[in-house]
Amino acid sequence: MFDLDRWREIFQSINKNRLRSVMSGFTVAFAILLFTLLFGIVSGLSNSFKSAFADDAQNFMKVRVWKTSKPFKGLQTGRRVQLKNKDYNYITDEYKNKIQYQSARIFKNFSIKYKNEANAYSVMAVNPDHQFLEKTSIDEGRYINKRDLREKSKNIVLGRLIKKDLFGEELL
């Protein structure tokens, strides 16, 4: 099993070809390092994407509108498309048997002031079904509901950072 002549021959070959032996060792070490780095990057990206989409529902479809790319009936290219409530109601009526949850989202920037604290924040207006489409956790309070919409009550859900920013230790 252990052949002394074979090991002598291996070490003589390494000794005679030092540069080739060092370069081969360097290549193997570099390949292992590169594999480790690439595997770590792929694992990190995989974890990032999983956490980024963890709160989205499965079989979730988002429709976004932007600007037109072609002129239409005398209207200019690049005009902003704006969906209306009638578009939302049409989708609700036309596909009510095929859609389980549906929510419109409107993004606006507002200045919010409380006592001496004021800052500009991004605000997102949603429908009650939004709670099922994005599994947002609420520490206290409740989601808006259909009754809030029917009665047009004014409700807001604050994120923990805005709460801390505006109210400080007062509500904590």
Protein backbone atom coordinates (compact mmCIF):
# COMPACT_ATOMS: atom_id res chain seq x y z
CA MET A 1 0.00 0.00 0.00
CA PHE A 2 2.62 2.55 1.01
CA ASP A 3 5.24 2.53 -1.74
CA LEU A 4 8.32 4.53 -0.76
CA ASP A 5 9.62 4.66 -4.35
CA ARG A 6 6.39 6.21 -5.61
CA TRP A 7 6.54 9.00 -2.97
CA ARG A 8 10.21 9.69 -3.80
CA GLU A 9 9.30 10.01 -7.46
CA ILE A 10 6.45 12.46 -6.63
CA PHE A 11 8.70 14.68 -4.49
CA GLN A 12 11.50 14.59 -7.10
CA SER A 13 9.03 15.69 -9.78
CA ILE A 14 7.77 18.53 -7.52
CA ASN A 15 11.36 19.56 -6.76
CA LYS A 16 12.38 19.61 -10.43
CA ASN A 17 9.28 21.59 -11.52
CA ARG A 18 8.92 24.08 -8.68
CA LEU A 19 7.24 26.85 -10.67
CA ARG A 20 4.67 24.49 -12.19
CA SER A 21 3.96 22.98 -8.76
CA VAL A 22 3.51 26.38 -7.11
CA MET A 23 1.29 27.61 -9.96
CA SER A 24 -0.84 24.44 -9.77
CA GLY A 25 -1.24 24.87 -6.01
CA PHE A 26 -2.11 28.54 -6.46
CA THR A 27 -4.68 27.69 -9.14
CA VAL A 28 -6.36 25.09 -6.94
CA ALA A 29 -6.41 27.45 -3.93
CA PHE A 30 -7.79 30.32 -6.08
CA ALA A 31 -10.51 28.05 -7.52
CA ILE A 32 -11.60 27.00 -4.03
CA LEU A 33 -11.64 30.63 -2.85
CA LEU A 34 -13.61 31.72 -5.92
CA PHE A 35 -16.14 28.92 -5.46
CA THR A 36 -16.60 29.87 -1.80
CA LEU A 37 -17.12 33.55 -2.65
CA LEU A 38 -19.58 32.84 -5.47
CA PHE A 39 -21.53 30.38 -3.34
CA GLY A 40 -21.73 32.97 -0.55
CA ILE A 41 -22.93 35.70 -2.95
CA VAL A 42 -25.61 33.43 -4.43
CA SER A 43 -26.80 32.41 -0.97
CA GLY A 44 -26.94 36.05 0.13
CA LEU A 45 -28.92 37.09 -2.96
CA SER A 46 -31.29 34.18 -2.48
CA ASN A 47 -31.94 35.17 1.13
CA SER A 48 -32.41 38.82 0.12
CA PHE A 49 -35.03 37.96 -2.49
CA LYS A 50 -36.83 35.61 -0.10
CA SER A 51 -37.04 38.29 2.59
CA ALA A 52 -38.02 41.01 0.09
CA PHE A 53 -41.01 39.02 -1.16
CA ALA A 54 -41.88 37.23 2.10
CA ASP A 55 -44.81 39.51 2.86
CA ASP A 56 -46.40 39.23 -0.60
CA ALA A 57 -49.27 36.82 -1.17
CA GLN A 58 -48.84 33.88 -3.54
CA ASN A 59 -50.45 34.15 -6.98
CA PHE A 60 -50.23 37.91 -6.60
CA MET A 61 -50.52 40.17 -9.62
CA LYS A 62 -49.70 43.87 -9.64
CA VAL A 63 -50.83 46.23 -12.40
CA ARG A 64 -48.86 49.45 -12.77
CA VAL A 65 -49.37 52.21 -15.26
CA TRP A 66 -46.80 54.71 -16.42
CA LYS A 67 -46.61 56.73 -19.61
CA THR A 68 -47.82 56.04 -23.12
CA SER A 69 -45.31 55.00 -25.75
CA LYS A 70 -47.45 55.79 -28.81
CA PRO A 71 -49.73 58.67 -29.81
CA PHE A 72 -53.46 57.89 -29.82
CA LYS A 73 -56.31 59.88 -31.40
CA GLY A 74 -54.32 63.11 -31.47
CA LEU A 75 -52.93 62.73 -27.93
CA GLN A 76 -49.20 63.02 -27.40
CA THR A 77 -46.66 60.29 -26.71
CA GLY A 78 -45.41 60.15 -23.12
CA ARG A 79 -48.61 61.27 -21.41
CA ARG A 80 -49.23 59.81 -17.99
CA VAL A 81 -51.90 57.11 -17.72
CA GLN A 82 -54.14 57.52 -14.69
CA LEU A 83 -56.55 54.80 -13.59
CA LYS A 84 -59.87 55.94 -12.15
CA ASN A 85 -62.29 54.45 -9.65
CA LYS A 86 -64.51 53.31 -12.54
CA ASP A 87 -61.58 51.19 -13.82
CA TYR A 88 -61.25 49.57 -10.39
CA ASN A 89 -65.02 48.97 -10.20
CA TYR A 90 -65.03 47.49 -13.72
CA ILE A 91 -62.37 44.93 -12.73
CA THR A 92 -64.30 44.14 -9.55
CA ASP A 93 -67.59 43.60 -11.40
CA GLU A 94 -66.18 41.81 -14.43
CA TYR A 95 -63.90 39.36 -12.59
CA LYS A 96 -65.51 39.06 -9.15
CA ASN A 97 -65.61 35.23 -9.38
CA LYS A 98 -61.93 35.01 -10.33
CA ILE A 99 -60.34 37.49 -7.94
CA GLN A 100 -60.18 36.68 -4.24
CA TYR A 101 -58.63 39.92 -2.97
CA GLN A 102 -58.21 43.25 -4.72
CA SER A 103 -56.74 46.54 -3.60
CA ALA A 104 -55.89 49.79 -5.27
CA ARG A 105 -52.84 51.63 -3.99
CA ILE A 106 -52.21 55.34 -4.27
CA PHE A 107 -48.86 56.83 -3.28
CA LYS A 108 -48.56 60.46 -2.22
CA ASN A 109 -46.09 62.56 -0.27
CA PHE A 110 -47.43 64.64 2.60
CA SER A 111 -46.09 66.80 5.34
CA ILE A 112 -47.31 65.39 8.66
CA LYS A 113 -47.18 67.55 11.76
CA TYR A 114 -47.73 66.67 15.42
CA LYS A 115 -47.06 69.31 18.07
CA ASN A 116 -43.56 70.64 17.30
CA GLU A 117 -42.52 67.73 15.09
CA ALA A 118 -43.10 67.84 11.33
CA ASN A 119 -41.63 65.97 8.40
CA ALA A 120 -42.46 64.84 4.87
CA TYR A 121 -43.55 61.22 4.54
CA SER A 122 -44.70 58.90 1.78
CA VAL A 123 -48.30 57.84 2.29
CA MET A 124 -49.97 54.84 0.68
CA ALA A 125 -53.76 54.65 0.48
CA VAL A 126 -55.13 51.09 0.20
CA ASN A 127 -58.35 49.10 0.31
CA PRO A 128 -59.18 46.68 3.15
CA ASP A 129 -58.10 43.65 1.08
CA HIS A 130 -54.53 44.95 1.15
CA GLN A 131 -53.98 43.16 4.45
CA PHE A 132 -54.25 39.81 2.62
CA LEU A 133 -52.11 40.82 -0.36
CA GLU A 134 -49.21 42.05 1.73
CA LYS A 135 -48.92 40.35 5.07
CA THR A 136 -48.09 43.50 6.96
CA SER A 137 -47.87 43.05 10.71
CA ILE A 138 -49.51 45.64 12.94
CA ASP A 139 -48.24 46.08 16.50
CA GLU A 140 -51.39 47.74 17.78
CA GLY A 141 -54.68 48.95 16.35
CA ARG A 142 -56.37 47.38 13.32
CA TYR A 143 -56.55 47.37 9.56
CA ILE A 144 -59.05 49.57 7.77
CA ASN A 145 -62.27 47.73 6.89
CA LYS A 146 -65.24 48.04 4.54
CA ARG A 147 -67.21 49.95 7.18
CA ASP A 148 -64.49 52.62 7.27
CA LEU A 149 -64.87 53.03 3.51
CA ARG A 150 -68.65 53.10 3.64
CA GLU A 151 -68.70 55.75 6.39
CA LYS A 152 -65.71 57.58 4.88
CA SER A 153 -64.01 57.62 8.26
CA LYS A 154 -60.52 59.05 8.46
CA ASN A 155 -58.05 56.40 9.58
CA ILE A 156 -54.33 55.99 9.29
CA VAL A 157 -51.86 53.22 10.00
CA LEU A 158 -48.44 54.52 10.98
CA GLY A 159 -45.24 52.61 10.54
CA ARG A 160 -43.07 52.11 13.59
CA LEU A 161 -40.39 54.53 12.34
CA ILE A 162 -42.88 57.34 11.68
CA LYS A 163 -44.46 56.70 15.06
CA LYS A 164 -41.09 57.00 16.75
CA ASP A 165 -40.12 60.01 14.64
CA LEU A 166 -43.29 62.02 15.28
CA PHE A 167 -44.35 60.98 18.75
CA GLY A 168 -41.00 60.02 20.27
CA GLU A 169 -41.32 58.28 23.61
CA GLU A 170 -44.86 59.61 24.15
CA LEU A 171 -46.62 56.58 22.65
CA LEU A 172 -43.95 53.96 23.22
